[in-house]
PDB file of all heavy atoms in Angstrom:
ATOM      1  N   SER A   1     -50.772 -12.910  -6.235  1.00  0.00           N
ATOM      2  CA  SER A   1     -51.628 -11.841  -6.740  1.00  0.00           C
ATOM      3  C   SER A   1     -51.058 -10.462  -6.386  1.00  0.00           C
ATOM      4  O   SER A   1     -51.528  -9.457  -6.870  1.00  0.00           O
ATOM      5  CB  SER A   1     -53.031 -11.981  -6.159  1.00  0.00           C
ATOM      6  OG  SER A   1     -52.965 -11.996  -4.747  1.00  0.00           O
ATOM      7  N   SER A   2     -50.038 -10.446  -5.533  1.00  0.00           N
ATOM      8  CA  SER A   2     -49.429  -9.167  -5.120  1.00  0.00           C
ATOM      9  C   SER A   2     -48.323  -8.737  -6.077  1.00  0.00           C
ATOM     10  O   SER A   2     -47.690  -9.560  -6.715  1.00  0.00           O
ATOM     11  CB  SER A   2     -48.762  -9.318  -3.730  1.00  0.00           C
ATOM     12  OG  SER A   2     -49.698  -9.808  -2.797  1.00  0.00           O
ATOM     13  N   THR A   3     -48.130  -7.437  -6.133  1.00  0.00           N
ATOM     14  CA  THR A   3     -46.943  -6.879  -6.798  1.00  0.00           C
ATOM     15  C   THR A   3     -45.988  -6.474  -5.677  1.00  0.00           C
ATOM     16  O   THR A   3     -46.425  -5.881  -4.692  1.00  0.00           O
ATOM     17  CB  THR A   3     -47.312  -5.634  -7.623  1.00  0.00           C
ATOM     18  OG1 THR A   3     -48.244  -6.047  -8.615  1.00  0.00           O
ATOM     19  CG2 THR A   3     -46.088  -5.057  -8.300  1.00  0.00           C
ATOM     20  N   TYR A   4     -44.739  -6.835  -5.815  1.00  0.00           N
ATOM     21  CA  TYR A   4     -43.768  -6.564  -4.754  1.00  0.00           C
ATOM     22  C   TYR A   4     -42.826  -5.425  -5.124  1.00  0.00           C
ATOM     23  O   TYR A   4     -42.501  -5.260  -6.300  1.00  0.00           O
ATOM     24  CB  TYR A   4     -42.906  -7.814  -4.505  1.00  0.00           C
ATOM     25  CG  TYR A   4     -43.655  -9.065  -4.124  1.00  0.00           C
ATOM     26  CD1 TYR A   4     -43.577 -10.196  -4.910  1.00  0.00           C
ATOM     27  CD2 TYR A   4     -44.420  -9.108  -2.965  1.00  0.00           C
ATOM     28  CE1 TYR A   4     -44.231 -11.381  -4.551  1.00  0.00           C
ATOM     29  CE2 TYR A   4     -45.087 -10.274  -2.592  1.00  0.00           C
ATOM     30  CZ  TYR A   4     -44.991 -11.398  -3.385  1.00  0.00           C
ATOM     31  OH  TYR A   4     -45.629 -12.560  -3.031  1.00  0.00           O
ATOM     32  N   LYS A   5     -42.381  -4.705  -4.109  1.00  0.00           N
ATOM     33  CA  LYS A   5     -41.270  -3.751  -4.300  1.00  0.00           C
ATOM     34  C   LYS A   5     -39.975  -4.553  -4.048  1.00  0.00           C
ATOM     35  O   LYS A   5     -39.091  -4.592  -4.885  1.00  0.00           O
ATOM     36  CB  LYS A   5     -41.391  -2.589  -3.319  1.00  0.00           C
ATOM     37  CG  LYS A   5     -40.230  -1.603  -3.400  1.00  0.00           C
ATOM     38  CD  LYS A   5     -40.467  -0.400  -2.463  1.00  0.00           C
ATOM     39  CE  LYS A   5     -39.218   0.384  -2.205  1.00  0.00           C
ATOM     40  NZ  LYS A   5     -38.319  -0.248  -1.239  1.00  0.00           N
ATOM     41  N   ASP A   6     -39.908  -5.149  -2.883  1.00  0.00           N
ATOM     42  CA  ASP A   6     -38.809  -6.070  -2.542  1.00  0.00           C
ATOM     43  C   ASP A   6     -39.473  -7.383  -2.210  1.00  0.00           C
ATOM     44  O   ASP A   6     -40.535  -7.410  -1.605  1.00  0.00           O
ATOM     45  CB  ASP A   6     -38.018  -5.562  -1.334  1.00  0.00           C
ATOM     46  CG  ASP A   6     -37.409  -4.182  -1.590  1.00  0.00           C
ATOM     47  OD1 ASP A   6     -36.881  -3.959  -2.673  1.00  0.00           O
ATOM     48  OD2 ASP A   6     -37.476  -3.339  -0.663  1.00  0.00           O
ATOM     49  N   CYS A   7     -38.864  -8.494  -2.589  1.00  0.00           N
ATOM     50  CA  CYS A   7     -39.515  -9.760  -2.303  1.00  0.00           C
ATOM     51  C   CYS A   7     -38.551 -10.874  -1.943  1.00  0.00           C
ATOM     52  O   CYS A   7     -37.372 -10.816  -2.257  1.00  0.00           O
ATOM     53  CB  CYS A   7     -40.422 -10.189  -3.460  1.00  0.00           C
ATOM     54  SG  CYS A   7     -39.582 -10.720  -4.931  1.00  0.00           S
ATOM     55  N   LYS A   8     -39.135 -11.868  -1.259  1.00  0.00           N
ATOM     56  CA  LYS A   8     -38.450 -13.115  -0.939  1.00  0.00           C
ATOM     57  C   LYS A   8     -39.159 -14.206  -1.711  1.00  0.00           C
ATOM     58  O   LYS A   8     -40.411 -14.203  -1.752  1.00  0.00           O
ATOM     59  CB  LYS A   8     -38.568 -13.433   0.546  1.00  0.00           C
ATOM     60  CG  LYS A   8     -37.955 -12.440   1.478  1.00  0.00           C
ATOM     61  CD  LYS A   8     -38.110 -12.932   2.928  1.00  0.00           C
ATOM     62  CE  LYS A   8     -37.496 -11.950   3.907  1.00  0.00           C
ATOM     63  NZ  LYS A   8     -37.396 -12.523   5.274  1.00  0.00           N
ATOM     64  N   VAL A   9     -38.425 -15.111  -2.311  1.00  0.00           N
ATOM     65  CA  VAL A   9     -39.019 -16.249  -3.030  1.00  0.00           C
ATOM     66  C   VAL A   9     -38.298 -17.515  -2.586  1.00  0.00           C
ATOM     67  O   VAL A   9     -37.128 -17.489  -2.226  1.00  0.00           O
ATOM     68  CB  VAL A   9     -38.940 -16.094  -4.564  1.00  0.00           C
ATOM     69  CG1 VAL A   9     -39.904 -15.071  -5.062  1.00  0.00           C
ATOM     70  CG2 VAL A   9     -37.540 -15.750  -5.013  1.00  0.00           C
ATOM     71  N   TRP A  10     -39.041 -18.617  -2.587  1.00  0.00           N
ATOM     72  CA  TRP A  10     -38.482 -19.895  -2.147  1.00  0.00           C
ATOM     73  C   TRP A  10     -39.267 -21.002  -2.839  1.00  0.00           C
ATOM     74  O   TRP A  10     -40.293 -20.760  -3.439  1.00  0.00           O
ATOM     75  CB  TRP A  10     -38.612 -20.008  -0.628  1.00  0.00           C
ATOM     76  CG  TRP A  10     -40.014 -19.889  -0.123  1.00  0.00           C
ATOM     77  CD1 TRP A  10     -40.967 -20.872  -0.102  1.00  0.00           C
ATOM     78  CD2 TRP A  10     -40.657 -18.706   0.367  1.00  0.00           C
ATOM     79  NE1 TRP A  10     -42.148 -20.364   0.390  1.00  0.00           N
ATOM     80  CE2 TRP A  10     -41.996 -19.052   0.707  1.00  0.00           C
ATOM     81  CE3 TRP A  10     -40.228 -17.389   0.604  1.00  0.00           C
ATOM     82  CZ2 TRP A  10     -42.894 -18.134   1.223  1.00  0.00           C
ATOM     83  CZ3 TRP A  10     -41.123 -16.479   1.108  1.00  0.00           C
ATOM     84  CH2 TRP A  10     -42.435 -16.850   1.416  1.00  0.00           C
ATOM     85  N   PRO A  11     -38.783 -22.255  -2.710  1.00  0.00           N
ATOM     86  CA  PRO A  11     -39.514 -23.365  -3.308  1.00  0.00           C
ATOM     87  C   PRO A  11     -40.935 -23.410  -2.721  1.00  0.00           C
ATOM     88  O   PRO A  11     -41.114 -23.624  -1.529  1.00  0.00           O
ATOM     89  CB  PRO A  11     -38.713 -24.604  -2.902  1.00  0.00           C
ATOM     90  CG  PRO A  11     -37.322 -24.082  -2.677  1.00  0.00           C
ATOM     91  CD  PRO A  11     -37.495 -22.696  -2.116  1.00  0.00           C
ATOM     92  N   GLY A  12     -41.925 -23.099  -3.559  1.00  0.00           N
ATOM     93  CA  GLY A  12     -43.312 -23.164  -3.114  1.00  0.00           C
ATOM     94  C   GLY A  12     -43.977 -21.846  -2.776  1.00  0.00           C
ATOM     95  O   GLY A  12     -45.160 -21.812  -2.474  1.00  0.00           O
ATOM     96  N   GLY A  13     -43.237 -20.723  -2.852  1.00  0.00           N
ATOM     97  CA  GLY A  13     -43.928 -19.468  -2.506  1.00  0.00           C
ATOM     98  C   GLY A  13     -43.113 -18.202  -2.574  1.00  0.00           C
ATOM     99  O   GLY A  13     -41.943 -18.224  -2.976  1.00  0.00           O
ATOM    100  N   SER A  14     -43.767 -17.117  -2.162  1.00  0.00           N
ATOM    101  CA  SER A  14     -43.105 -15.819  -2.151  1.00  0.00           C
ATOM    102  C   SER A  14     -43.861 -14.883  -1.214  1.00  0.00           C
ATOM    103  O   SER A  14     -44.999 -15.158  -0.866  1.00  0.00           O
ATOM    104  CB  SER A  14     -43.104 -15.199  -3.562  1.00  0.00           C
ATOM    105  OG  SER A  14     -44.422 -14.914  -4.001  1.00  0.00           O
ATOM    106  N   ARG A  15     -43.212 -13.829  -0.798  1.00  0.00           N
ATOM    107  CA  ARG A  15     -43.890 -12.794  -0.024  1.00  0.00           C
ATOM    108  C   ARG A  15     -43.075 -11.510  -0.125  1.00  0.00           C
ATOM    109  O   ARG A  15     -41.949 -11.495  -0.580  1.00  0.00           O
ATOM    110  CB  ARG A  15     -44.124 -13.198   1.432  1.00  0.00           C
ATOM    111  CG  ARG A  15     -42.894 -13.135   2.338  1.00  0.00           C
ATOM    112  CD  ARG A  15     -43.345 -13.451   3.772  1.00  0.00           C
ATOM    113  NE  ARG A  15     -42.251 -13.383   4.718  1.00  0.00           N
ATOM    114  CZ  ARG A  15     -41.922 -12.296   5.452  1.00  0.00           C
ATOM    115  NH1 ARG A  15     -42.565 -11.163   5.269  1.00  0.00           N
ATOM    116  NH2 ARG A  15     -40.946 -12.359   6.338  1.00  0.00           N
ATOM    117  N   THR A  16     -43.682 -10.427   0.367  1.00  0.00           N
ATOM    118  CA  THR A  16     -42.967  -9.161   0.356  1.00  0.00           C
ATOM    119  C   THR A  16     -41.787  -9.249   1.330  1.00  0.00           C
ATOM    120  O   THR A  16     -41.857  -9.939   2.366  1.00  0.00           O
ATOM    121  CB  THR A  16     -43.912  -7.996   0.703  1.00  0.00           C
ATOM    122  OG1 THR A  16     -43.296  -6.775   0.369  1.00  0.00           O
ATOM    123  CG2 THR A  16     -44.303  -7.986   2.180  1.00  0.00           C
ATOM    124  N   TRP A  17     -40.700  -8.589   0.991  1.00  0.00           N
ATOM    125  CA  TRP A  17     -39.546  -8.500   1.877  1.00  0.00           C
ATOM    126  C   TRP A  17     -39.621  -7.120   2.539  1.00  0.00           C
ATOM    127  O   TRP A  17     -39.314  -6.111   1.927  1.00  0.00           O
ATOM    128  CB  TRP A  17     -38.252  -8.657   1.086  1.00  0.00           C
ATOM    129  CG  TRP A  17     -36.984  -8.515   1.858  1.00  0.00           C
ATOM    130  CD1 TRP A  17     -36.815  -8.577   3.229  1.00  0.00           C
ATOM    131  CD2 TRP A  17     -35.669  -8.316   1.319  1.00  0.00           C
ATOM    132  NE1 TRP A  17     -35.503  -8.409   3.542  1.00  0.00           N
ATOM    133  CE2 TRP A  17     -34.774  -8.258   2.419  1.00  0.00           C
ATOM    134  CE3 TRP A  17     -35.187  -8.184   0.034  1.00  0.00           C
ATOM    135  CZ2 TRP A  17     -33.412  -8.055   2.231  1.00  0.00           C
ATOM    136  CZ3 TRP A  17     -33.828  -7.969  -0.139  1.00  0.00           C
ATOM    137  CH2 TRP A  17     -32.932  -7.925   0.934  1.00  0.00           C
ATOM    138  N   ASP A  18     -40.095  -7.118   3.790  1.00  0.00           N
ATOM    139  CA  ASP A  18     -40.269  -5.889   4.547  1.00  0.00           C
ATOM    140  C   ASP A  18     -39.045  -5.668   5.422  1.00  0.00           C
ATOM    141  O   ASP A  18     -38.877  -6.355   6.440  1.00  0.00           O
ATOM    142  CB  ASP A  18     -41.537  -6.009   5.404  1.00  0.00           C
ATOM    143  CG  ASP A  18     -41.840  -4.749   6.188  1.00  0.00           C
ATOM    144  OD1 ASP A  18     -40.982  -3.816   6.222  1.00  0.00           O
ATOM    145  OD2 ASP A  18     -42.938  -4.686   6.772  1.00  0.00           O
ATOM    146  N   TRP A  19     -38.214  -4.705   5.053  1.00  0.00           N
ATOM    147  CA  TRP A  19     -36.982  -4.453   5.784  1.00  0.00           C
ATOM    148  C   TRP A  19     -37.229  -4.076   7.230  1.00  0.00           C
ATOM    149  O   TRP A  19     -36.360  -4.264   8.086  1.00  0.00           O
ATOM    150  CB  TRP A  19     -36.180  -3.344   5.086  1.00  0.00           C
ATOM    151  CG  TRP A  19     -35.649  -3.711   3.736  1.00  0.00           C
ATOM    152  CD1 TRP A  19     -36.011  -4.771   2.960  1.00  0.00           C
ATOM    153  CD2 TRP A  19     -34.633  -3.012   3.020  1.00  0.00           C
ATOM    154  NE1 TRP A  19     -35.292  -4.757   1.795  1.00  0.00           N
ATOM    155  CE2 TRP A  19     -34.450  -3.698   1.799  1.00  0.00           C
ATOM    156  CE3 TRP A  19     -33.884  -1.872   3.279  1.00  0.00           C
ATOM    157  CZ2 TRP A  19     -33.502  -3.288   0.844  1.00  0.00           C
ATOM    158  CZ3 TRP A  19     -32.966  -1.456   2.323  1.00  0.00           C
ATOM    159  CH2 TRP A  19     -32.769  -2.159   1.121  1.00  0.00           C
ATOM    160  N   ARG A  20     -38.413  -3.545   7.531  1.00  0.00           N
ATOM    161  CA  ARG A  20     -38.702  -3.136   8.925  1.00  0.00           C
ATOM    162  C   ARG A  20     -38.726  -4.326   9.873  1.00  0.00           C
ATOM    163  O   ARG A  20     -38.492  -4.177  11.063  1.00  0.00           O
ATOM    164  CB  ARG A  20     -40.044  -2.371   8.982  1.00  0.00           C
ATOM    165  CG  ARG A  20     -39.957  -0.999   8.313  1.00  0.00           C
ATOM    166  CD  ARG A  20     -41.335  -0.382   8.168  1.00  0.00           C
ATOM    167  NE  ARG A  20     -42.201  -1.227   7.341  1.00  0.00           N
ATOM    168  CZ  ARG A  20     -43.330  -0.846   6.796  1.00  0.00           C
ATOM    169  NH1 ARG A  20     -43.780   0.376   7.026  1.00  0.00           N
ATOM    170  NH2 ARG A  20     -44.061  -1.649   6.074  1.00  0.00           N
ATOM    171  N   GLU A  21     -38.999  -5.513   9.340  1.00  0.00           N
ATOM    172  CA  GLU A  21     -39.051  -6.711  10.205  1.00  0.00           C
ATOM    173  C   GLU A  21     -37.724  -6.971  10.887  1.00  0.00           C
ATOM    174  O   GLU A  21     -37.695  -7.471  11.999  1.00  0.00           O
ATOM    175  CB  GLU A  21     -39.430  -7.939   9.370  1.00  0.00           C
ATOM    176  CG  GLU A  21     -40.862  -7.951   8.914  1.00  0.00           C
ATOM    177  CD  GLU A  21     -41.154  -9.110   7.949  1.00  0.00           C
ATOM    178  OE1 GLU A  21     -40.326 -10.037   7.826  1.00  0.00           O
ATOM    179  OE2 GLU A  21     -42.239  -9.085   7.340  1.00  0.00           O
ATOM    180  N   THR A  22     -36.648  -6.670  10.196  1.00  0.00           N
ATOM    181  CA  THR A  22     -35.312  -6.973  10.723  1.00  0.00           C
ATOM    182  C   THR A  22     -34.466  -5.712  10.920  1.00  0.00           C
ATOM    183  O   THR A  22     -33.313  -5.805  11.312  1.00  0.00           O
ATOM    184  CB  THR A  22     -34.587  -7.939   9.785  1.00  0.00           C
ATOM    185  OG1 THR A  22     -34.634  -7.413   8.461  1.00  0.00           O
ATOM    186  CG2 THR A  22     -35.206  -9.318   9.809  1.00  0.00           C
ATOM    187  N   GLY A  23     -35.033  -4.539  10.619  1.00  0.00           N
ATOM    188  CA  GLY A  23     -34.265  -3.300  10.738  1.00  0.00           C
ATOM    189  C   GLY A  23     -33.180  -3.170   9.683  1.00  0.00           C
ATOM    190  O   GLY A  23     -32.162  -2.511   9.876  1.00  0.00           O
ATOM    191  N   THR A  24     -33.390  -3.792   8.527  1.00  0.00           N
ATOM    192  CA  THR A  24     -32.398  -3.774   7.458  1.00  0.00           C
ATOM    193  C   THR A  24     -32.359  -2.392   6.795  1.00  0.00           C
ATOM    194  O   THR A  24     -33.385  -1.741   6.587  1.00  0.00           O
ATOM    195  CB  THR A  24     -32.722  -4.874   6.426  1.00  0.00           C
ATOM    196  OG1 THR A  24     -32.533  -6.128   7.075  1.00  0.00           O
ATOM    197  CG2 THR A  24     -31.863  -4.784   5.184  1.00  0.00           C
ATOM    198  N   GLU A  25     -31.140  -1.953   6.469  1.00  0.00           N
ATOM    199  CA  GLU A  25     -30.908  -0.714   5.696  1.00  0.00           C
ATOM    200  C   GLU A  25     -29.852  -1.026   4.637  1.00  0.00           C
ATOM    201  O   GLU A  25     -29.213  -2.072   4.680  1.00  0.00           O
ATOM    202  CB  GLU A  25     -30.443   0.397   6.656  1.00  0.00           C
ATOM    203  CG  GLU A  25     -31.535   0.754   7.674  1.00  0.00           C
ATOM    204  CD  GLU A  25     -31.104   1.863   8.642  1.00  0.00           C
ATOM    205  OE1 GLU A  25     -29.891   2.149   8.712  1.00  0.00           O
ATOM    206  OE2 GLU A  25     -31.991   2.376   9.314  1.00  0.00           O
ATOM    207  N   HIS A  26     -29.682  -0.088   3.693  1.00  0.00           N
ATOM    208  CA  HIS A  26     -28.691  -0.320   2.621  1.00  0.00           C
ATOM    209  C   HIS A  26     -27.304  -0.627   3.193  1.00  0.00           C
ATOM    210  O   HIS A  26     -26.561  -1.406   2.608  1.00  0.00           O
ATOM    211  CB  HIS A  26     -28.615   0.892   1.686  1.00  0.00           C
ATOM    212  CG  HIS A  26     -29.849   1.017   0.813  1.00  0.00           C
ATOM    213  ND1 HIS A  26     -30.921   1.809   1.142  1.00  0.00           N
ATOM    214  CD2 HIS A  26     -30.174   0.428  -0.360  1.00  0.00           C
ATOM    215  CE1 HIS A  26     -31.852   1.712   0.199  1.00  0.00           C
ATOM    216  NE2 HIS A  26     -31.431   0.883  -0.730  1.00  0.00           N
ATOM    217  N   HIS A  27     -26.959   0.020   4.300  1.00  0.00           N
ATOM    218  CA  HIS A  27     -25.692  -0.249   5.002  1.00  0.00           C
ATOM    219  C   HIS A  27     -26.045  -0.618   6.437  1.00  0.00           C
ATOM    220  O   HIS A  27     -26.831   0.124   7.058  1.00  0.00           O
ATOM    221  CB  HIS A  27     -24.806   0.999   5.013  1.00  0.00           C
ATOM    222  CG  HIS A  27     -24.431   1.468   3.646  1.00  0.00           C
ATOM    223  ND1 HIS A  27     -23.348   1.010   2.959  1.00  0.00           N
ATOM    224  CD2 HIS A  27     -25.029   2.386   2.827  1.00  0.00           C
ATOM    225  CE1 HIS A  27     -23.302   1.624   1.772  1.00  0.00           C
ATOM    226  NE2 HIS A  27     -24.328   2.435   1.663  1.00  0.00           N
ATOM    227  N   PRO A  28     -25.572  -1.679   7.038  1.00  0.00           N
ATOM    228  CA  PRO A  28     -24.611  -2.619   6.465  1.00  0.00           C
ATOM    229  C   PRO A  28     -25.218  -3.575   5.443  1.00  0.00           C
ATOM    230  O   PRO A  28     -24.498  -4.265   4.751  1.00  0.00           O
ATOM    231  CB  PRO A  28     -24.093  -3.382   7.696  1.00  0.00           C
ATOM    232  CG  PRO A  28     -25.223  -3.348   8.656  1.00  0.00           C
ATOM    233  CD  PRO A  28     -25.906  -2.007   8.422  1.00  0.00           C
ATOM    234  N   GLY A  29     -26.546  -3.602   5.355  1.00  0.00           N
ATOM    235  CA  GLY A  29     -27.149  -4.416   4.285  1.00  0.00           C
ATOM    236  C   GLY A  29     -27.882  -5.651   4.757  1.00  0.00           C
ATOM    237  O   GLY A  29     -28.412  -5.714   5.861  1.00  0.00           O
ATOM    238  N   VAL A  30     -27.896  -6.653   3.873  1.00  0.00           N
ATOM    239  CA  VAL A  30     -28.645  -7.884   4.113  1.00  0.00           C
ATOM    240  C   VAL A  30     -28.098  -8.647   5.315  1.00  0.00           C
ATOM    241  O   VAL A  30     -26.906  -8.920   5.383  1.00  0.00           O
ATOM    242  CB  VAL A  30     -28.602  -8.791   2.840  1.00  0.00           C
ATOM    243  CG1 VAL A  30     -29.416 -10.074   3.064  1.00  0.00           C
ATOM    244  CG2 VAL A  30     -29.096  -8.046   1.616  1.00  0.00           C
ATOM    245  N   GLN A  31     -28.978  -8.954   6.232  1.00  0.00           N
ATOM    246  CA  GLN A  31     -28.596  -9.679   7.448  1.00  0.00           C
ATOM    247  C   GLN A  31     -28.990 -11.139   7.363  1.00  0.00           C
ATOM    248  O   GLN A  31     -29.924 -11.474   6.598  1.00  0.00           O
ATOM    249  CB  GLN A  31     -29.322  -9.057   8.647  1.00  0.00           C
ATOM    250  CG  GLN A  31     -29.097  -7.565   8.813  1.00  0.00           C
ATOM    251  CD  GLN A  31     -29.986  -7.024   9.899  1.00  0.00           C
ATOM    252  OE1 GLN A  31     -29.761  -7.237  11.077  1.00  0.00           O
ATOM    253  NE2 GLN A  31     -31.063  -6.322   9.506  1.00  0.00           N
ATOM    254  N   PRO A  32     -28.353 -12.000   8.155  1.00  0.00           N
ATOM    255  CA  PRO A  32     -28.765 -13.408   8.177  1.00  0.00           C
ATOM    256  C   PRO A  32     -30.274 -13.545   8.419  1.00  0.00           C
ATOM    257  O   PRO A  32     -30.926 -14.399   7.824  1.00  0.00           O
ATOM    258  CB  PRO A  32     -27.942 -14.016   9.302  1.00  0.00           C
ATOM    259  CG  PRO A  32     -26.676 -13.200   9.311  1.00  0.00           C
ATOM    260  CD  PRO A  32     -27.135 -11.789   8.985  1.00  0.00           C
ATOM    261  N   ALA A  33     -30.840 -12.681   9.260  1.00  0.00           N
ATOM    262  CA  ALA A  33     -32.290 -12.759   9.576  1.00  0.00           C
ATOM    263  C   ALA A  33     -33.149 -12.526   8.338  1.00  0.00           C
ATOM    264  O   ALA A  33     -34.257 -13.028   8.227  1.00  0.00           O
ATOM    265  CB  ALA A  33     -32.646 -11.734  10.646  1.00  0.00           C
ATOM    266  N   ASP A  34     -32.620 -11.773   7.351  1.00  0.00           N
ATOM    267  CA  ASP A  34     -33.383 -11.496   6.124  1.00  0.00           C
ATOM    268  C   ASP A  34     -33.514 -12.731   5.247  1.00  0.00           C
ATOM    269  O   ASP A  34     -34.470 -12.857   4.499  1.00  0.00           O
ATOM    270  CB  ASP A  34     -32.707 -10.383   5.299  1.00  0.00           C
ATOM    271  CG  ASP A  34     -32.786  -9.035   5.973  1.00  0.00           C
ATOM    272  OD1 ASP A  34     -33.880  -8.658   6.398  1.00  0.00           O
ATOM    273  OD2 ASP A  34     -31.748  -8.345   6.064  1.00  0.00           O
ATOM    274  N   VAL A  35     -32.542 -13.602   5.318  1.00  0.00           N
ATOM    275  CA  VAL A  35     -32.517 -14.771   4.425  1.00  0.00           C
ATOM    276  C   VAL A  35     -32.898 -16.071   5.129  1.00  0.00           C
ATOM    277  O   VAL A  35     -33.150 -17.078   4.485  1.00  0.00           O
ATOM    278  CB  VAL A  35     -31.137 -14.924   3.741  1.00  0.00           C
ATOM    279  CG1 VAL A  35     -30.820 -13.673   2.934  1.00  0.00           C
ATOM    280  CG2 VAL A  35     -30.035 -15.186   4.736  1.00  0.00           C
ATOM    281  N   GLN A  36     -32.978 -16.018   6.457  1.00  0.00           N
ATOM    282  CA  GLN A  36     -33.277 -17.219   7.249  1.00  0.00           C
ATOM    283  C   GLN A  36     -34.546 -17.951   6.784  1.00  0.00           C
ATOM    284  O   GLN A  36     -34.544 -19.164   6.600  1.00  0.00           O
ATOM    285  CB  GLN A  36     -33.461 -16.793   8.727  1.00  0.00           C
ATOM    286  CG  GLN A  36     -33.605 -17.957   9.675  1.00  0.00           C
ATOM    287  CD  GLN A  36     -32.330 -18.755   9.812  1.00  0.00           C
ATOM    288  OE1 GLN A  36     -31.265 -18.186   9.979  1.00  0.00           O
ATOM    289  NE2 GLN A  36     -32.434 -20.071   9.711  1.00  0.00           N
ATOM    290  N   GLU A  37     -35.622 -17.189   6.570  1.00  0.00           N
ATOM    291  CA  GLU A  37     -36.901 -17.762   6.172  1.00  0.00           C
ATOM    292  C   GLU A  37     -36.761 -18.547   4.851  1.00  0.00           C
ATOM    293  O   GLU A  37     -37.310 -19.636   4.712  1.00  0.00           O
ATOM    294  CB  GLU A  37     -37.911 -16.627   6.009  1.00  0.00           C
ATOM    295  CG  GLU A  37     -39.274 -17.070   5.518  1.00  0.00           C
ATOM    296  CD  GLU A  37     -40.253 -15.919   5.374  1.00  0.00           C
ATOM    297  OE1 GLU A  37     -39.836 -14.751   5.358  1.00  0.00           O
ATOM    298  OE2 GLU A  37     -41.456 -16.224   5.302  1.00  0.00           O
ATOM    299  N   VAL A  38     -36.036 -17.991   3.922  1.00  0.00           N
ATOM    300  CA  VAL A  38     -35.852 -18.618   2.602  1.00  0.00           C
ATOM    301  C   VAL A  38     -35.078 -19.933   2.747  1.00  0.00           C
ATOM    302  O   VAL A  38     -35.407 -20.938   2.132  1.00  0.00           O
ATOM    303  CB  VAL A  38     -35.154 -17.644   1.629  1.00  0.00           C
ATOM    304  CG1 VAL A  38     -34.847 -18.316   0.301  1.00  0.00           C
ATOM    305  CG2 VAL A  38     -36.012 -16.416   1.412  1.00  0.00           C
ATOM    306  N   LEU A  39     -34.061 -19.928   3.619  1.00  0.00           N
ATOM    307  CA  LEU A  39     -33.283 -21.135   3.860  1.00  0.00           C
ATOM    308  C   LEU A  39     -34.135 -22.184   4.575  1.00  0.00           C
ATOM    309  O   LEU A  39     -34.097 -23.362   4.230  1.00  0.00           O
ATOM    310  CB  LEU A  39     -32.039 -20.828   4.686  1.00  0.00           C
ATOM    311  CG  LEU A  39     -31.092 -19.788   4.100  1.00  0.00           C
ATOM    312  CD1 LEU A  39     -29.877 -19.600   5.006  1.00  0.00           C
ATOM    313  CD2 LEU A  39     -30.656 -20.155   2.695  1.00  0.00           C
ATOM    314  N   ASP A  40     -34.935 -21.730   5.552  1.00  0.00           N
ATOM    315  CA  ASP A  40     -35.787 -22.657   6.297  1.00  0.00           C
ATOM    316  C   ASP A  40     -36.818 -23.325   5.408  1.00  0.00           C
ATOM    317  O   ASP A  40     -37.295 -24.414   5.710  1.00  0.00           O
ATOM    318  CB  ASP A  40     -36.525 -21.914   7.436  1.00  0.00           C
ATOM    319  CG  ASP A  40     -35.580 -21.508   8.566  1.00  0.00           C
ATOM    320  OD1 ASP A  40     -34.436 -22.005   8.600  1.00  0.00           O
ATOM    321  OD2 ASP A  40     -36.000 -20.675   9.396  1.00  0.00           O
ATOM    322  N   LYS A  41     -37.162 -22.682   4.285  1.00  0.00           N
ATOM    323  CA  LYS A  41     -38.156 -23.245   3.359  1.00  0.00           C
ATOM    324  C   LYS A  41     -37.519 -24.161   2.320  1.00  0.00           C
ATOM    325  O   LYS A  41     -38.156 -24.570   1.355  1.00  0.00           O
ATOM    326  CB  LYS A  41     -38.965 -22.134   2.717  1.00  0.00           C
ATOM    327  CG  LYS A  41     -39.803 -21.382   3.768  1.00  0.00           C
ATOM    328  CD  LYS A  41     -40.939 -20.625   3.171  1.00  0.00           C
ATOM    329  CE  LYS A  41     -41.647 -19.779   4.209  1.00  0.00           C
ATOM    330  NZ  LYS A  41     -42.874 -20.395   4.735  1.00  0.00           N
ATOM    331  N   GLY A  42     -36.231 -24.463   2.484  1.00  0.00           N
ATOM    332  CA  GLY A  42     -35.619 -25.513   1.669  1.00  0.00           C
ATOM    333  C   GLY A  42     -34.753 -25.086   0.520  1.00  0.00           C
ATOM    334  O   GLY A  42     -34.355 -25.922  -0.300  1.00  0.00           O
TER     335      GLY A  42
END
C-alpha cells in the first residue's frame, strides 16, 4: 500500500530502502549490507 522512493523487493515482499540504515551514499554506493536482506529472503 506504500509508494516508495527507493525500495527493496524480494520473493514474497517489499519495503522502503532507507539509506540511513546502512549509511549508504551515492559514493561509494551500494554496500553488501544494503542487499543482504534481499539475499536472505531467497
